Protein backbone atom coordinates (compact mmCIF):
# COMPACT_ATOMS: atom_id res chain seq x y z
CA UNK A 1 0.00 0.00 0.00
CA UNK A 2 1.17 3.50 -0.71
CA UNK A 3 -0.26 7.00 -0.57
CA UNK A 4 -1.71 8.91 -3.47
CA UNK A 5 0.47 10.91 -5.80
CA UNK A 6 -1.90 12.27 -8.48
CA UNK A 7 -3.59 15.62 -7.75
CA UNK A 8 -6.92 14.48 -9.25
CA UNK A 9 -7.00 11.45 -6.96
CA UNK A 10 -6.15 13.62 -3.95
CA UNK A 11 -9.08 15.90 -4.85
CA UNK A 12 -11.44 12.90 -4.96
CA UNK A 13 -10.28 11.75 -1.52
CA UNK A 14 -10.73 15.27 -0.16
CA UNK A 15 -14.20 15.55 -1.69
CA UNK A 16 -15.39 12.35 0.00
CA UNK A 17 -13.97 13.50 3.34
CA UNK A 18 -16.27 16.53 3.21
CA UNK A 19 -19.45 14.51 2.58
CA UNK A 20 -20.61 13.59 6.07
CA UNK A 21 -23.29 11.17 4.84
CA UNK A 22 -20.66 8.84 3.35
CA UNK A 23 -19.66 7.39 6.74
CA UNK A 24 -23.33 6.79 7.61
CA UNK A 25 -23.90 5.03 4.29
CA UNK A 26 -20.81 2.86 4.80
CA UNK A 27 -21.97 1.94 8.33
CA UNK A 28 -25.40 0.96 6.98
CA UNK A 29 -23.66 -1.13 4.32
CA UNK A 30 -21.63 -2.86 7.06
CA UNK A 31 -24.75 -3.60 9.06
CA UNK A 32 -26.66 -4.97 6.06
CA UNK A 33 -23.81 -7.16 4.78
CA UNK A 34 -22.24 -8.17 8.09
CA UNK A 35 -18.83 -7.05 6.84
CA UNK A 36 -16.47 -5.18 9.17
CA UNK A 37 -14.94 -3.02 6.44
CA UNK A 38 -16.69 -0.85 3.87
CA UNK A 39 -15.19 1.71 1.54
CA UNK A 40 -15.55 3.89 -1.50
CA UNK A 41 -12.68 3.50 -3.95
CA UNK A 42 -11.54 5.28 -7.06
CA UNK A 43 -10.57 2.52 -9.50
CA UNK A 44 -8.43 2.93 -12.61
CA UNK A 45 -6.95 0.35 -14.95
CA UNK A 46 -3.78 0.28 -12.82
CA UNK A 47 -4.80 0.87 -9.21
CA UNK A 48 -7.52 1.62 -6.76
CA UNK A 49 -7.47 4.35 -4.13
CA UNK A 50 -9.54 4.33 -0.97
CA UNK A 51 -11.55 7.58 -0.86
CA UNK A 52 -13.64 6.83 2.24
CA UNK A 53 -13.16 3.96 4.69
CA UNK A 54 -14.90 2.47 7.72
CA UNK A 55 -12.50 -0.21 8.97
CA UNK A 56 -13.78 -1.98 12.06
CA UNK A 57 -11.75 -5.06 11.10
CA UNK A 58 -8.43 -3.36 11.82
CA UNK A 59 -7.20 -3.95 8.28
CA UNK A 60 -5.33 -0.65 8.40
CA UNK A 61 -6.80 0.85 5.25
CA UNK A 62 -7.15 4.65 5.32
CA UNK A 63 -8.46 7.23 2.86
CA UNK A 64 -5.72 7.99 0.37
CA UNK A 65 -4.14 4.52 0.52
CA UNK A 66 -3.56 3.14 -2.92
CA UNK A 67 -3.13 -0.46 -4.06
CA UNK A 68 -1.96 -1.70 -7.42
CA UNK A 69 -4.84 -3.45 -9.13
CA UNK A 70 -2.74 -6.64 -9.49
CA UNK A 71 -2.49 -6.87 -5.68
CA UNK A 72 -6.27 -6.97 -5.29
CA UNK A 73 -6.98 -9.99 -7.48
C-alpha atoms as a PDB file:
ATOM      1  CA  UNK A   1       0.000   0.000   0.000  1.00  0.00           C
ATOM      2  CA  UNK A   2       1.172   3.498  -0.712  1.00  0.00           C
ATOM      3  CA  UNK A   3      -0.260   6.999  -0.567  1.00  0.00           C
ATOM      4  CA  UNK A   4      -1.709   8.908  -3.473  1.00  0.00           C
ATOM      5  CA  UNK A   5       0.467  10.910  -5.802  1.00  0.00           C
ATOM      6  CA  UNK A   6      -1.900  12.273  -8.484  1.00  0.00           C
ATOM      7  CA  UNK A   7      -3.586  15.618  -7.750  1.00  0.00           C
ATOM      8  CA  UNK A   8      -6.925  14.482  -9.250  1.00  0.00           C
ATOM      9  CA  UNK A   9      -7.004  11.451  -6.957  1.00  0.00           C
ATOM     10  CA  UNK A  10      -6.151  13.622  -3.953  1.00  0.00           C
ATOM     11  CA  UNK A  11      -9.083  15.895  -4.854  1.00  0.00           C
ATOM     12  CA  UNK A  12     -11.439  12.897  -4.959  1.00  0.00           C
ATOM     13  CA  UNK A  13     -10.277  11.746  -1.520  1.00  0.00           C
ATOM     14  CA  UNK A  14     -10.733  15.270  -0.161  1.00  0.00           C
ATOM     15  CA  UNK A  15     -14.204  15.547  -1.687  1.00  0.00           C
ATOM     16  CA  UNK A  16     -15.394  12.351   0.001  1.00  0.00           C
ATOM     17  CA  UNK A  17     -13.965  13.497   3.337  1.00  0.00           C
ATOM     18  CA  UNK A  18     -16.269  16.531   3.214  1.00  0.00           C
ATOM     19  CA  UNK A  19     -19.451  14.507   2.577  1.00  0.00           C
ATOM     20  CA  UNK A  20     -20.607  13.592   6.070  1.00  0.00           C
ATOM     21  CA  UNK A  21     -23.291  11.171   4.842  1.00  0.00           C
ATOM     22  CA  UNK A  22     -20.658   8.845   3.350  1.00  0.00           C
ATOM     23  CA  UNK A  23     -19.660   7.390   6.739  1.00  0.00           C
ATOM     24  CA  UNK A  24     -23.325   6.788   7.610  1.00  0.00           C
ATOM     25  CA  UNK A  25     -23.902   5.033   4.295  1.00  0.00           C
ATOM     26  CA  UNK A  26     -20.810   2.855   4.805  1.00  0.00           C
ATOM     27  CA  UNK A  27     -21.970   1.938   8.335  1.00  0.00           C
ATOM     28  CA  UNK A  28     -25.404   0.958   6.977  1.00  0.00           C
ATOM     29  CA  UNK A  29     -23.659  -1.129   4.324  1.00  0.00           C
ATOM     30  CA  UNK A  30     -21.632  -2.861   7.056  1.00  0.00           C
ATOM     31  CA  UNK A  31     -24.752  -3.602   9.061  1.00  0.00           C
ATOM     32  CA  UNK A  32     -26.659  -4.966   6.062  1.00  0.00           C
ATOM     33  CA  UNK A  33     -23.806  -7.156   4.777  1.00  0.00           C
ATOM     34  CA  UNK A  34     -22.237  -8.169   8.086  1.00  0.00           C
ATOM     35  CA  UNK A  35     -18.829  -7.047   6.844  1.00  0.00           C
ATOM     36  CA  UNK A  36     -16.470  -5.183   9.169  1.00  0.00           C
ATOM     37  CA  UNK A  37     -14.938  -3.023   6.441  1.00  0.00           C
ATOM     38  CA  UNK A  38     -16.686  -0.846   3.873  1.00  0.00           C
ATOM     39  CA  UNK A  39     -15.188   1.707   1.541  1.00  0.00           C
ATOM     40  CA  UNK A  40     -15.552   3.894  -1.505  1.00  0.00           C
ATOM     41  CA  UNK A  41     -12.683   3.498  -3.947  1.00  0.00           C
ATOM     42  CA  UNK A  42     -11.541   5.283  -7.061  1.00  0.00           C
ATOM     43  CA  UNK A  43     -10.568   2.523  -9.499  1.00  0.00           C
ATOM     44  CA  UNK A  44      -8.429   2.931 -12.606  1.00  0.00           C
ATOM     45  CA  UNK A  45      -6.951   0.350 -14.945  1.00  0.00           C
ATOM     46  CA  UNK A  46      -3.779   0.276 -12.816  1.00  0.00           C
ATOM     47  CA  UNK A  47      -4.802   0.871  -9.206  1.00  0.00           C
ATOM     48  CA  UNK A  48      -7.520   1.622  -6.762  1.00  0.00           C
ATOM     49  CA  UNK A  49      -7.474   4.349  -4.134  1.00  0.00           C
ATOM     50  CA  UNK A  50      -9.544   4.332  -0.966  1.00  0.00           C
ATOM     51  CA  UNK A  51     -11.554   7.578  -0.862  1.00  0.00           C
ATOM     52  CA  UNK A  52     -13.636   6.828   2.242  1.00  0.00           C
ATOM     53  CA  UNK A  53     -13.163   3.961   4.695  1.00  0.00           C
ATOM     54  CA  UNK A  54     -14.898   2.474   7.721  1.00  0.00           C
ATOM     55  CA  UNK A  55     -12.497  -0.211   8.968  1.00  0.00           C
ATOM     56  CA  UNK A  56     -13.784  -1.984  12.059  1.00  0.00           C
ATOM     57  CA  UNK A  57     -11.746  -5.056  11.102  1.00  0.00           C
ATOM     58  CA  UNK A  58      -8.429  -3.360  11.816  1.00  0.00           C
ATOM     59  CA  UNK A  59      -7.199  -3.950   8.276  1.00  0.00           C
ATOM     60  CA  UNK A  60      -5.334  -0.649   8.395  1.00  0.00           C
ATOM     61  CA  UNK A  61      -6.797   0.852   5.246  1.00  0.00           C
ATOM     62  CA  UNK A  62      -7.153   4.648   5.324  1.00  0.00           C
ATOM     63  CA  UNK A  63      -8.463   7.230   2.865  1.00  0.00           C
ATOM     64  CA  UNK A  64      -5.717   7.987   0.371  1.00  0.00           C
ATOM     65  CA  UNK A  65      -4.144   4.522   0.525  1.00  0.00           C
ATOM     66  CA  UNK A  66      -3.555   3.135  -2.916  1.00  0.00           C
ATOM     67  CA  UNK A  67      -3.127  -0.465  -4.058  1.00  0.00           C
ATOM     68  CA  UNK A  68      -1.956  -1.704  -7.418  1.00  0.00           C
ATOM     69  CA  UNK A  69      -4.837  -3.454  -9.134  1.00  0.00           C
ATOM     70  CA  UNK A  70      -2.739  -6.639  -9.490  1.00  0.00           C
ATOM     71  CA  UNK A  71      -2.490  -6.874  -5.682  1.00  0.00           C
ATOM     72  CA  UNK A  72      -6.274  -6.971  -5.287  1.00  0.00           C
ATOM     73  CA  UNK A  73      -6.980  -9.990  -7.484  1.00  0.00           C
END
